[in-house]
Amino acid sequence: MAKPAIAPTWNSLWDDIYRSRSWGKYPKEELIRFVAGNYFGVPDRNAVRFLDLGCGFGASTWFLAREGFSVDGIDGSAVIIKRLSERLRLEGVGARVISGDIGDLPYPPQHFDCVVDIACLMCNDPDSTRNILEGVLDRLKTGGKIFSMTATPDCWGATSGTKLADATYRDLTDGPFANTGTVRFSTEEQIRHLYSGFKNLTIGISSYSIGDKSRRVSHWIIEGTK
């Protein structure tokens, strides 16, 4: 039986965003703490395989590879993959980065020790997110981990666009995700449902304020194990 077609998750709007912006050069502190706590003590870092899901400008890819881990990065934008490849080449950092759809991951089952998602899954509605996470679970080794950072409903600008689905909006007009296409701001209950395929699920919050505390940027920090 033929494999059913998978709807693409990539929004070409991001090509224009990547052409016009240059943020995202350095990794999130939350990711550094997670990696340090779980992987800095392993005897052979090169034996630990990471996947940077929606790698974008490559801050996580760069950090993980620089720390000696084996790293793959995937992003829908060929524009940003070209820029990231050049950065890695110039800095002498080795990682495998490709342009592809995270809804149809081109990796074998049981391949990765850890999958990292920094504000990538949140650019998908709940149904698409569930499908992507099924693919992530398939590519993780037994005992492998996920680290996911995704916007909360308390984030500045969360409902400023057109509603598409549960907690999902398009064409936000305000906040850090304005003019970035589709963004999902799931509640904790929705997050627990989306990530229910993972064991030992832990959910925290990372937030900061700007504009003299008038605006808040808030993310769920999600960790789980296959």
Protein backbone atom coordinates (compact mmCIF):
# COMPACT_ATOMS: atom_id res chain seq x y z
CA MET A 1 0.00 0.00 0.00
CA ALA A 2 1.35 3.43 -0.93
CA LYS A 3 2.40 5.68 1.90
CA PRO A 4 -0.20 8.46 2.41
CA ALA A 5 0.88 11.90 1.32
CA ILE A 6 2.09 14.15 4.10
CA ALA A 7 1.01 17.77 4.07
CA PRO A 8 4.07 20.05 4.07
CA THR A 9 4.70 21.96 7.28
CA TRP A 10 7.06 24.51 5.77
CA ASN A 11 5.95 28.11 5.27
CA SER A 12 7.99 29.86 2.57
CA LEU A 13 7.47 33.17 4.42
CA TRP A 14 10.48 32.16 6.48
CA ASP A 15 12.78 32.51 3.47
CA ASP A 16 12.00 36.24 3.48
CA ILE A 17 12.41 36.43 7.26
CA TYR A 18 15.82 34.77 7.08
CA ARG A 19 16.93 37.11 4.30
CA SER A 20 16.05 40.19 6.34
CA ARG A 21 17.05 39.21 9.91
CA SER A 22 20.20 38.06 11.64
CA TRP A 23 19.15 37.08 15.16
CA GLY A 24 19.71 33.65 16.63
CA LYS A 25 23.48 33.33 16.54
CA TYR A 26 23.92 32.02 20.09
CA PRO A 27 22.03 29.23 21.91
CA LYS A 28 19.32 29.60 24.52
CA GLU A 29 20.52 29.42 28.12
CA GLU A 30 17.75 26.92 28.83
CA LEU A 31 19.18 24.54 26.22
CA ILE A 32 22.70 24.92 27.59
CA ARG A 33 21.50 23.93 31.06
CA PHE A 34 19.63 20.92 29.67
CA VAL A 35 22.60 19.68 27.64
CA ALA A 36 25.05 20.28 30.47
CA GLY A 37 22.89 18.39 32.95
CA ASN A 38 22.25 15.42 30.69
CA TYR A 39 25.22 15.04 28.35
CA PHE A 40 28.35 16.91 29.42
CA GLY A 41 29.46 13.94 31.51
CA VAL A 42 29.24 11.26 28.80
CA PRO A 43 32.58 9.56 28.03
CA ASP A 44 32.34 10.05 24.24
CA ARG A 45 30.36 13.10 23.14
CA ASN A 46 30.76 12.26 19.46
CA ALA A 47 28.73 9.11 20.05
CA VAL A 48 25.71 11.18 21.14
CA ARG A 49 23.48 12.09 18.18
CA PHE A 50 21.39 15.28 18.27
CA LEU A 51 18.77 16.52 15.81
CA ASP A 52 18.11 20.26 15.74
CA LEU A 53 14.52 20.49 14.52
CA GLY A 54 13.90 23.62 12.46
CA CYS A 55 17.48 24.71 13.04
CA GLY A 56 17.06 28.19 11.52
CA PHE A 57 20.16 30.35 11.99
CA GLY A 58 21.76 27.36 13.70
CA ALA A 59 22.47 28.59 17.21
CA SER A 60 21.70 25.17 18.72
CA THR A 61 23.43 23.26 15.91
CA TRP A 62 26.55 25.39 16.29
CA PHE A 63 26.61 25.03 20.08
CA LEU A 64 26.09 21.25 20.10
CA ALA A 65 28.67 20.60 17.39
CA ARG A 66 31.16 22.94 19.01
CA GLU A 67 30.77 20.93 22.24
CA GLY A 68 31.78 17.77 20.39
CA PHE A 69 28.41 16.08 19.83
CA SER A 70 27.26 14.50 16.56
CA VAL A 71 24.66 16.89 15.13
CA ASP A 72 22.14 17.00 12.31
CA GLY A 73 20.08 20.10 11.59
CA ILE A 74 17.01 20.38 9.37
CA ASP A 75 15.06 23.42 8.24
CA GLY A 76 12.57 24.05 5.47
CA SER A 77 14.49 27.07 4.21
CA ALA A 78 17.28 26.45 1.71
CA VAL A 79 18.18 30.12 2.23
CA ILE A 80 19.08 29.66 5.89
CA ILE A 81 20.72 26.27 5.38
CA LYS A 82 23.12 27.92 2.93
CA ARG A 83 23.93 30.65 5.47
CA LEU A 84 24.35 28.16 8.29
CA SER A 85 26.58 25.89 6.20
CA GLU A 86 28.83 28.85 5.47
CA ARG A 87 29.01 29.82 9.14
CA LEU A 88 29.93 26.28 10.17
CA ARG A 89 32.57 26.13 7.43
CA LEU A 90 34.15 29.45 8.39
CA GLU A 91 34.26 28.52 12.08
CA GLY A 92 35.52 24.98 11.47
CA VAL A 93 32.50 23.38 13.17
CA GLY A 94 31.26 20.05 11.80
CA ALA A 95 27.52 19.33 11.50
CA ARG A 96 25.21 17.88 8.85
CA VAL A 97 22.54 20.41 7.87
CA ILE A 98 19.89 19.99 5.19
CA SER A 99 16.79 21.68 3.84
CA GLY A 100 13.77 19.45 4.41
CA ASP A 101 10.30 19.17 5.90
CA ILE A 102 10.12 18.29 9.60
CA GLY A 103 6.79 16.61 8.88
CA ASP A 104 8.63 13.90 6.92
CA LEU A 105 12.00 13.52 8.60
CA PRO A 106 14.59 11.93 6.25
CA TYR A 107 16.32 9.90 8.97
CA PRO A 108 16.08 6.21 9.93
CA PRO A 109 14.20 4.98 13.00
CA GLN A 110 16.02 4.81 16.33
CA HIS A 111 18.71 7.19 15.06
CA PHE A 112 18.97 10.05 17.58
CA ASP A 113 19.74 10.31 21.28
CA CYS A 114 18.09 13.71 21.56
CA VAL A 115 15.87 15.99 19.48
CA VAL A 116 15.99 19.74 20.15
CA ASP A 117 13.12 22.08 19.26
CA ILE A 118 13.65 25.79 19.82
CA ALA A 119 10.40 27.53 18.81
CA CYS A 120 9.92 25.38 15.71
CA LEU A 121 7.00 23.12 16.61
CA MET A 122 5.05 26.16 17.78
CA CYS A 123 4.83 27.28 14.15
CA ASN A 124 2.37 24.42 13.52
CA ASP A 125 -1.27 23.83 14.47
CA PRO A 126 -2.02 21.04 17.00
CA ASP A 127 -2.77 18.33 14.42
CA SER A 128 0.45 19.01 12.51
CA THR A 129 2.40 19.16 15.76
CA ARG A 130 1.11 15.74 16.81
CA ASN A 131 2.11 14.26 13.45
CA ILE A 132 5.59 15.78 13.68
CA LEU A 133 6.06 14.47 17.22
CA GLU A 134 5.12 10.97 16.06
CA GLY A 135 7.98 11.22 13.56
CA VAL A 136 10.30 12.49 16.29
CA LEU A 137 9.43 9.54 18.53
CA ASP A 138 10.12 7.14 15.67
CA ARG A 139 13.59 8.63 15.05
CA LEU A 140 14.56 8.68 18.73
CA LYS A 141 16.38 5.76 20.28
CA THR A 142 14.70 4.05 23.21
CA GLY A 143 15.53 6.23 26.18
CA GLY A 144 16.22 9.20 23.90
CA LYS A 145 15.12 12.67 24.98
CA ILE A 146 13.31 15.69 23.61
CA PHE A 147 13.93 19.29 24.62
CA SER A 148 11.25 21.66 23.38
CA MET A 149 10.78 25.40 23.86
CA THR A 150 7.39 26.73 22.76
CA ALA A 151 5.31 29.85 23.42
CA THR A 152 2.75 30.06 26.23
CA PRO A 153 -0.63 31.85 26.03
CA ASP A 154 0.81 34.57 28.29
CA CYS A 155 3.26 35.65 25.61
CA TRP A 156 2.97 39.21 24.34
CA GLY A 157 0.89 39.37 21.16
CA ALA A 158 -0.55 35.86 21.54
CA THR A 159 -4.04 36.62 20.21
CA SER A 160 -3.30 39.57 17.93
CA GLY A 161 -3.78 37.63 14.68
CA THR A 162 -6.41 35.52 12.94
CA LYS A 163 -7.37 32.34 14.78
CA LEU A 164 -6.82 29.14 12.77
CA ALA A 165 -7.29 26.34 15.31
CA ASP A 166 -7.02 25.69 19.05
CA ALA A 167 -4.53 28.23 20.43
CA THR A 168 -3.17 28.77 16.91
CA TYR A 169 -3.05 32.13 15.13
CA ARG A 170 -1.83 33.48 11.81
CA ASP A 171 -0.45 36.87 10.83
CA LEU A 172 0.11 38.22 14.34
CA THR A 173 0.31 41.98 14.41
CA ASP A 174 2.00 42.42 17.78
CA GLY A 175 4.70 40.78 19.90
CA PRO A 176 7.94 38.90 19.16
CA PHE A 177 6.23 36.62 16.63
CA ALA A 178 4.49 39.31 14.59
CA ASN A 179 4.65 38.73 10.83
CA THR A 180 6.01 35.18 11.18
CA GLY A 181 3.05 33.22 9.81
CA THR A 182 1.38 30.57 11.98
CA VAL A 183 2.13 30.45 15.73
CA ARG A 184 0.62 28.18 18.40
CA PHE A 185 0.23 29.32 22.04
CA SER A 186 -0.88 26.10 23.77
CA THR A 187 -2.05 25.87 27.37
CA GLU A 188 -0.31 23.47 29.76
CA GLU A 189 -3.17 20.98 29.36
CA GLN A 190 -2.78 21.11 25.58
CA ILE A 191 1.00 20.70 25.87
CA ARG A 192 0.59 17.59 28.03
CA HIS A 193 -1.74 16.13 25.42
CA LEU A 194 0.54 16.98 22.47
CA TYR A 195 3.59 15.44 24.17
CA SER A 196 1.74 12.51 25.77
CA GLY A 197 3.82 9.99 23.80
CA PHE A 198 6.83 10.84 25.95
CA LYS A 199 7.60 9.45 29.39
CA ASN A 200 8.90 11.39 32.38
CA LEU A 201 7.39 14.58 30.98
CA THR A 202 8.42 17.76 32.77
CA ILE A 203 7.09 21.21 31.92
CA GLY A 204 8.55 24.48 33.14
CA ILE A 205 8.30 28.13 32.15
CA SER A 206 10.97 30.56 31.03
CA SER A 207 9.95 34.20 30.71
CA TYR A 208 11.31 37.72 30.65
CA SER A 209 9.84 41.19 30.36
CA ILE A 210 10.70 44.13 28.15
CA GLY A 211 9.45 47.71 27.88
CA ASP A 212 9.82 48.43 31.62
CA LYS A 213 7.90 45.22 32.45
CA SER A 214 5.00 46.19 30.18
CA ARG A 215 5.43 43.20 27.86
CA ARG A 216 6.19 39.57 28.67
CA VAL A 217 7.79 36.92 26.47
CA SER A 218 7.03 33.47 27.84
CA HIS A 219 7.88 29.92 26.75
CA TRP A 220 7.12 26.41 27.98
CA ILE A 221 10.27 24.36 28.56
CA ILE A 222 9.37 20.74 27.86
CA GLU A 223 11.52 17.68 28.48
CA GLY A 224 10.56 14.05 27.93
CA THR A 225 11.94 10.58 27.24
CA LYS A 226 10.99 7.94 24.69
